[in-house]
Amino acid sequence: MAMNGFFGIMYGLAGILNDKVLHVGGRGPVVLDFTTWGWVTLILGVLLTLTGVGILLGNGAARWFGVAFAFLSACAQFGTISSFPLWGLLVIAIDITIIYQLVARWHPDF
């Protein structure tokens, strides 16, 4: 989760700092421009990274925040799937795997 958040931070910074680089084929995000979408992705990336660190520390509340932020990250990728279909599908698959692992495979320490 922390690594997925780090990639989200890098993608968000690319969208904020130089949105011309991210423009592929004359099509942009479905909802907003790349600069705004970069801010959304950057904020979600920071939240995912911090939640991933919380999970590594064994915090039970971070588990549920992780489920929520991974769900939001997967939903947010649908906004740019028209520009970057392979990247969007890859991040959605990673987010679904994160959600599955946090919900079905969680073994808290007693």
N, C-alpha and C. Protein backbone atom coordinates (compact mmCIF):
# COMPACT_ATOMS: atom_id res chain seq x y z
N MET A 1 0.83 -1.18 0.00
CA MET A 1 0.00 0.00 0.00
C MET A 1 0.87 1.25 0.00
N ALA A 2 1.95 1.23 0.77
CA ALA A 2 2.83 2.39 0.82
C ALA A 2 3.48 2.62 -0.54
N MET A 3 3.84 1.55 -1.23
CA MET A 3 4.46 1.69 -2.55
C MET A 3 3.44 2.21 -3.57
N ASN A 4 2.21 1.75 -3.50
CA ASN A 4 1.16 2.26 -4.38
C ASN A 4 0.93 3.74 -4.11
N GLY A 5 0.97 4.14 -2.85
CA GLY A 5 0.85 5.55 -2.50
C GLY A 5 2.01 6.37 -3.02
N PHE A 6 3.22 5.81 -2.94
CA PHE A 6 4.40 6.52 -3.47
C PHE A 6 4.27 6.75 -4.97
N PHE A 7 3.81 5.73 -5.70
CA PHE A 7 3.60 5.90 -7.14
C PHE A 7 2.52 6.95 -7.42
N GLY A 8 1.49 6.99 -6.57
CA GLY A 8 0.46 8.02 -6.70
C GLY A 8 1.01 9.41 -6.47
N ILE A 9 1.92 9.52 -5.51
CA ILE A 9 2.56 10.82 -5.25
C ILE A 9 3.36 11.26 -6.47
N MET A 10 4.13 10.35 -7.05
CA MET A 10 4.95 10.69 -8.22
C MET A 10 4.07 11.08 -9.42
N TYR A 11 2.98 10.34 -9.62
CA TYR A 11 2.05 10.65 -10.71
C TYR A 11 1.38 12.00 -10.47
N GLY A 12 1.02 12.27 -9.23
CA GLY A 12 0.39 13.55 -8.90
C GLY A 12 1.35 14.71 -9.10
N LEU A 13 2.59 14.54 -8.69
CA LEU A 13 3.58 15.60 -8.90
C LEU A 13 3.83 15.85 -10.39
N ALA A 14 3.83 14.80 -11.18
CA ALA A 14 3.99 14.97 -12.63
C ALA A 14 2.83 15.76 -13.21
N GLY A 15 1.63 15.50 -12.73
CA GLY A 15 0.47 16.23 -13.21
C GLY A 15 0.46 17.68 -12.78
N ILE A 16 0.99 17.95 -11.59
CA ILE A 16 1.00 19.32 -11.08
C ILE A 16 2.11 20.14 -11.72
N LEU A 17 3.31 19.58 -11.76
CA LEU A 17 4.48 20.34 -12.21
C LEU A 17 4.55 20.53 -13.72
N ASN A 18 4.15 19.51 -14.48
CA ASN A 18 4.24 19.61 -15.93
C ASN A 18 3.13 18.79 -16.57
N ASP A 19 1.96 19.37 -16.64
CA ASP A 19 0.82 18.63 -17.18
C ASP A 19 0.90 18.39 -18.68
N LYS A 20 1.80 19.06 -19.36
CA LYS A 20 1.96 18.84 -20.80
C LYS A 20 2.59 17.47 -21.08
N VAL A 21 3.41 16.98 -20.16
CA VAL A 21 4.06 15.68 -20.33
C VAL A 21 3.02 14.57 -20.25
N LEU A 22 2.01 14.74 -19.43
CA LEU A 22 1.02 13.70 -19.24
C LEU A 22 -0.04 13.66 -20.32
N HIS A 23 -0.07 14.63 -21.19
CA HIS A 23 -1.12 14.71 -22.20
C HIS A 23 -0.84 13.71 -23.32
N VAL A 24 -1.70 12.74 -23.49
CA VAL A 24 -1.49 11.67 -24.46
C VAL A 24 -2.62 11.68 -25.49
N GLY A 25 -2.30 11.78 -26.73
CA GLY A 25 -3.28 11.62 -27.80
C GLY A 25 -4.36 12.67 -27.85
N GLY A 26 -4.17 13.83 -27.28
CA GLY A 26 -5.17 14.89 -27.35
C GLY A 26 -6.35 14.70 -26.42
N ARG A 27 -6.32 13.68 -25.59
CA ARG A 27 -7.41 13.45 -24.64
C ARG A 27 -6.91 13.63 -23.23
N GLY A 28 -7.73 14.20 -22.41
CA GLY A 28 -7.35 14.43 -21.02
C GLY A 28 -8.20 13.59 -20.09
N PRO A 29 -8.16 13.91 -18.83
CA PRO A 29 -9.01 13.19 -17.87
C PRO A 29 -10.48 13.39 -18.18
N VAL A 30 -11.26 12.47 -17.74
CA VAL A 30 -12.69 12.52 -18.01
C VAL A 30 -13.35 13.68 -17.28
N VAL A 31 -12.91 13.96 -16.07
CA VAL A 31 -13.61 14.92 -15.22
C VAL A 31 -12.94 16.29 -15.19
N LEU A 32 -11.64 16.34 -14.96
CA LEU A 32 -10.95 17.60 -14.73
C LEU A 32 -9.71 17.69 -15.60
N ASP A 33 -8.98 18.79 -15.47
CA ASP A 33 -7.71 18.90 -16.19
C ASP A 33 -6.62 18.17 -15.40
N PHE A 34 -5.44 18.02 -16.02
CA PHE A 34 -4.39 17.22 -15.39
C PHE A 34 -3.82 17.87 -14.14
N THR A 35 -3.81 19.18 -14.05
CA THR A 35 -3.28 19.82 -12.85
C THR A 35 -4.16 19.51 -11.65
N THR A 36 -5.46 19.65 -11.81
CA THR A 36 -6.38 19.34 -10.71
C THR A 36 -6.35 17.86 -10.39
N TRP A 37 -6.29 17.06 -11.43
CA TRP A 37 -6.24 15.61 -11.22
C TRP A 37 -4.93 15.21 -10.54
N GLY A 38 -3.87 15.96 -10.82
CA GLY A 38 -2.60 15.72 -10.13
C GLY A 38 -2.71 15.97 -8.64
N TRP A 39 -3.42 17.03 -8.26
CA TRP A 39 -3.62 17.31 -6.83
C TRP A 39 -4.43 16.21 -6.16
N VAL A 40 -5.46 15.74 -6.83
CA VAL A 40 -6.28 14.65 -6.26
C VAL A 40 -5.43 13.40 -6.08
N THR A 41 -4.63 13.06 -7.09
CA THR A 41 -3.79 11.88 -7.01
C THR A 41 -2.69 12.04 -5.97
N LEU A 42 -2.15 13.24 -5.86
CA LEU A 42 -1.11 13.49 -4.85
C LEU A 42 -1.66 13.32 -3.44
N ILE A 43 -2.83 13.87 -3.18
CA ILE A 43 -3.42 13.76 -1.84
C ILE A 43 -3.76 12.31 -1.51
N LEU A 44 -4.34 11.58 -2.48
CA LEU A 44 -4.62 10.16 -2.25
C LEU A 44 -3.34 9.36 -2.06
N GLY A 45 -2.29 9.72 -2.79
CA GLY A 45 -1.01 9.03 -2.62
C GLY A 45 -0.42 9.23 -1.24
N VAL A 46 -0.50 10.45 -0.74
CA VAL A 46 0.00 10.72 0.62
C VAL A 46 -0.81 9.94 1.65
N LEU A 47 -2.12 9.93 1.49
CA LEU A 47 -2.97 9.19 2.43
C LEU A 47 -2.69 7.69 2.37
N LEU A 48 -2.50 7.16 1.17
CA LEU A 48 -2.18 5.74 1.03
C LEU A 48 -0.83 5.41 1.66
N THR A 49 0.15 6.27 1.46
CA THR A 49 1.47 6.03 2.02
C THR A 49 1.44 6.05 3.55
N LEU A 50 0.78 7.05 4.12
CA LEU A 50 0.69 7.14 5.58
C LEU A 50 -0.09 5.96 6.16
N THR A 51 -1.14 5.55 5.47
CA THR A 51 -1.91 4.40 5.93
C THR A 51 -1.10 3.12 5.82
N GLY A 52 -0.31 3.00 4.76
CA GLY A 52 0.56 1.83 4.62
C GLY A 52 1.58 1.74 5.74
N VAL A 53 2.12 2.88 6.15
CA VAL A 53 3.05 2.90 7.28
C VAL A 53 2.32 2.50 8.56
N GLY A 54 1.09 2.97 8.72
CA GLY A 54 0.30 2.59 9.88
C GLY A 54 0.01 1.10 9.92
N ILE A 55 -0.24 0.51 8.78
CA ILE A 55 -0.48 -0.93 8.72
C ILE A 55 0.80 -1.69 9.06
N LEU A 56 1.93 -1.22 8.55
CA LEU A 56 3.20 -1.86 8.88
C LEU A 56 3.50 -1.79 10.38
N LEU A 57 3.02 -0.76 11.04
CA LEU A 57 3.20 -0.64 12.48
C LEU A 57 2.17 -1.44 13.27
N GLY A 58 1.20 -2.05 12.58
CA GLY A 58 0.22 -2.91 13.23
C GLY A 58 -1.00 -2.20 13.77
N ASN A 59 -1.29 -1.02 13.29
CA ASN A 59 -2.44 -0.26 13.76
C ASN A 59 -3.72 -0.82 13.13
N GLY A 60 -4.67 -1.22 13.96
CA GLY A 60 -5.91 -1.80 13.46
C GLY A 60 -6.80 -0.79 12.75
N ALA A 61 -6.78 0.46 13.19
CA ALA A 61 -7.59 1.49 12.54
C ALA A 61 -7.07 1.80 11.15
N ALA A 62 -5.76 1.66 10.96
CA ALA A 62 -5.17 1.91 9.64
C ALA A 62 -5.67 0.90 8.63
N ARG A 63 -6.05 -0.27 9.10
CA ARG A 63 -6.60 -1.28 8.19
C ARG A 63 -7.86 -0.76 7.49
N TRP A 64 -8.76 -0.19 8.25
CA TRP A 64 -10.02 0.29 7.67
C TRP A 64 -9.82 1.57 6.87
N PHE A 65 -8.89 2.41 7.31
CA PHE A 65 -8.55 3.56 6.48
C PHE A 65 -7.92 3.10 5.18
N GLY A 66 -7.14 2.03 5.23
CA GLY A 66 -6.54 1.48 4.02
C GLY A 66 -7.58 0.98 3.03
N VAL A 67 -8.61 0.32 3.54
CA VAL A 67 -9.70 -0.14 2.68
C VAL A 67 -10.38 1.06 2.02
N ALA A 68 -10.66 2.08 2.80
CA ALA A 68 -11.35 3.26 2.27
C ALA A 68 -10.50 4.01 1.25
N PHE A 69 -9.21 4.22 1.56
CA PHE A 69 -8.35 4.97 0.65
C PHE A 69 -8.03 4.18 -0.61
N ALA A 70 -7.89 2.85 -0.50
CA ALA A 70 -7.66 2.03 -1.69
C ALA A 70 -8.90 2.05 -2.59
N PHE A 71 -10.09 2.05 -1.99
CA PHE A 71 -11.32 2.16 -2.77
C PHE A 71 -11.39 3.50 -3.49
N LEU A 72 -11.06 4.58 -2.78
CA LEU A 72 -11.07 5.91 -3.40
C LEU A 72 -10.02 6.01 -4.51
N SER A 73 -8.88 5.38 -4.30
CA SER A 73 -7.83 5.39 -5.33
C SER A 73 -8.29 4.64 -6.57
N ALA A 74 -8.94 3.50 -6.39
CA ALA A 74 -9.45 2.75 -7.54
C ALA A 74 -10.51 3.55 -8.28
N CYS A 75 -11.38 4.21 -7.55
CA CYS A 75 -12.41 5.04 -8.20
C CYS A 75 -11.78 6.23 -8.92
N ALA A 76 -10.75 6.81 -8.34
CA ALA A 76 -10.09 7.96 -8.96
C ALA A 76 -9.39 7.59 -10.26
N GLN A 77 -8.95 6.36 -10.40
CA GLN A 77 -8.26 5.95 -11.62
C GLN A 77 -9.20 5.89 -12.82
N PHE A 78 -10.49 5.78 -12.58
CA PHE A 78 -11.43 5.80 -13.69
C PHE A 78 -11.47 7.15 -14.38
N GLY A 79 -11.02 8.19 -13.69
CA GLY A 79 -11.00 9.52 -14.29
C GLY A 79 -9.94 9.67 -15.36
N THR A 80 -8.84 8.95 -15.25
CA THR A 80 -7.77 9.07 -16.23
C THR A 80 -7.63 7.83 -17.11
N ILE A 81 -8.56 6.93 -17.04
CA ILE A 81 -8.43 5.70 -17.80
C ILE A 81 -8.51 5.93 -19.31
N SER A 82 -9.13 7.03 -19.72
CA SER A 82 -9.17 7.33 -21.16
C SER A 82 -7.81 7.83 -21.66
N SER A 83 -7.01 8.41 -20.79
CA SER A 83 -5.68 8.89 -21.18
C SER A 83 -4.62 7.80 -21.07
N PHE A 84 -4.68 7.04 -19.99
CA PHE A 84 -3.68 6.00 -19.72
C PHE A 84 -4.39 4.71 -19.33
N PRO A 85 -4.90 3.96 -20.29
CA PRO A 85 -5.69 2.77 -19.94
C PRO A 85 -4.88 1.69 -19.22
N LEU A 86 -3.66 1.43 -19.65
CA LEU A 86 -2.87 0.37 -19.02
C LEU A 86 -2.50 0.75 -17.58
N TRP A 87 -2.05 1.98 -17.38
CA TRP A 87 -1.70 2.44 -16.03
C TRP A 87 -2.93 2.42 -15.12
N GLY A 88 -4.06 2.92 -15.63
CA GLY A 88 -5.28 2.94 -14.82
C GLY A 88 -5.73 1.55 -14.41
N LEU A 89 -5.71 0.60 -15.36
CA LEU A 89 -6.12 -0.76 -15.04
C LEU A 89 -5.14 -1.43 -14.07
N LEU A 90 -3.85 -1.13 -14.21
CA LEU A 90 -2.86 -1.70 -13.30
C LEU A 90 -3.07 -1.19 -11.88
N VAL A 91 -3.30 0.10 -11.72
CA VAL A 91 -3.51 0.67 -10.38
C VAL A 91 -4.82 0.16 -9.79
N ILE A 92 -5.84 0.03 -10.61
CA ILE A 92 -7.12 -0.52 -10.12
C ILE A 92 -6.92 -1.96 -9.64
N ALA A 93 -6.16 -2.76 -10.38
CA ALA A 93 -5.89 -4.14 -9.97
C ALA A 93 -5.10 -4.18 -8.66
N ILE A 94 -4.13 -3.30 -8.51
CA ILE A 94 -3.36 -3.24 -7.26
C ILE A 94 -4.27 -2.83 -6.10
N ASP A 95 -5.14 -1.85 -6.33
CA ASP A 95 -6.05 -1.41 -5.27
C ASP A 95 -7.02 -2.51 -4.87
N ILE A 96 -7.52 -3.26 -5.83
CA ILE A 96 -8.43 -4.38 -5.51
C ILE A 96 -7.69 -5.45 -4.72
N THR A 97 -6.44 -5.71 -5.07
CA THR A 97 -5.64 -6.68 -4.32
C THR A 97 -5.40 -6.20 -2.90
N ILE A 98 -5.13 -4.92 -2.73
CA ILE A 98 -4.94 -4.35 -1.39
C ILE A 98 -6.21 -4.51 -0.57
N ILE A 99 -7.35 -4.19 -1.14
CA ILE A 99 -8.62 -4.31 -0.43
C ILE A 99 -8.87 -5.76 -0.03
N TYR A 100 -8.62 -6.67 -0.95
CA TYR A 100 -8.82 -8.09 -0.65
C TYR A 100 -7.92 -8.55 0.50
N GLN A 101 -6.65 -8.17 0.44
CA GLN A 101 -5.72 -8.59 1.49
C GLN A 101 -6.08 -7.99 2.84
N LEU A 102 -6.56 -6.76 2.85
CA LEU A 102 -6.91 -6.12 4.12
C LEU A 102 -8.20 -6.68 4.71
N VAL A 103 -9.11 -7.13 3.87
CA VAL A 103 -10.39 -7.62 4.37
C VAL A 103 -10.37 -9.12 4.64
N ALA A 104 -9.84 -9.91 3.70
CA ALA A 104 -9.94 -11.36 3.81
C ALA A 104 -8.76 -12.01 4.52
N ARG A 105 -7.60 -11.41 4.46
CA ARG A 105 -6.40 -12.06 4.97
C ARG A 105 -5.80 -11.38 6.20
N TRP A 106 -6.57 -10.64 6.93
CA TRP A 106 -6.03 -9.91 8.07
C TRP A 106 -5.99 -10.82 9.29
N HIS A 107 -4.82 -10.94 9.88
CA HIS A 107 -4.65 -11.73 11.10
C HIS A 107 -4.03 -10.83 12.16
N PRO A 108 -4.87 -10.22 13.02
CA PRO A 108 -4.32 -9.31 14.03
C PRO A 108 -3.53 -10.08 15.08
N ASP A 109 -2.53 -9.44 15.61
CA ASP A 109 -1.73 -10.02 16.68
C ASP A 109 -2.46 -9.82 18.01
N PHE A 110 -2.52 -10.89 18.78
CA PHE A 110 -3.18 -10.80 20.09
C PHE A 110 -2.16 -10.83 21.18
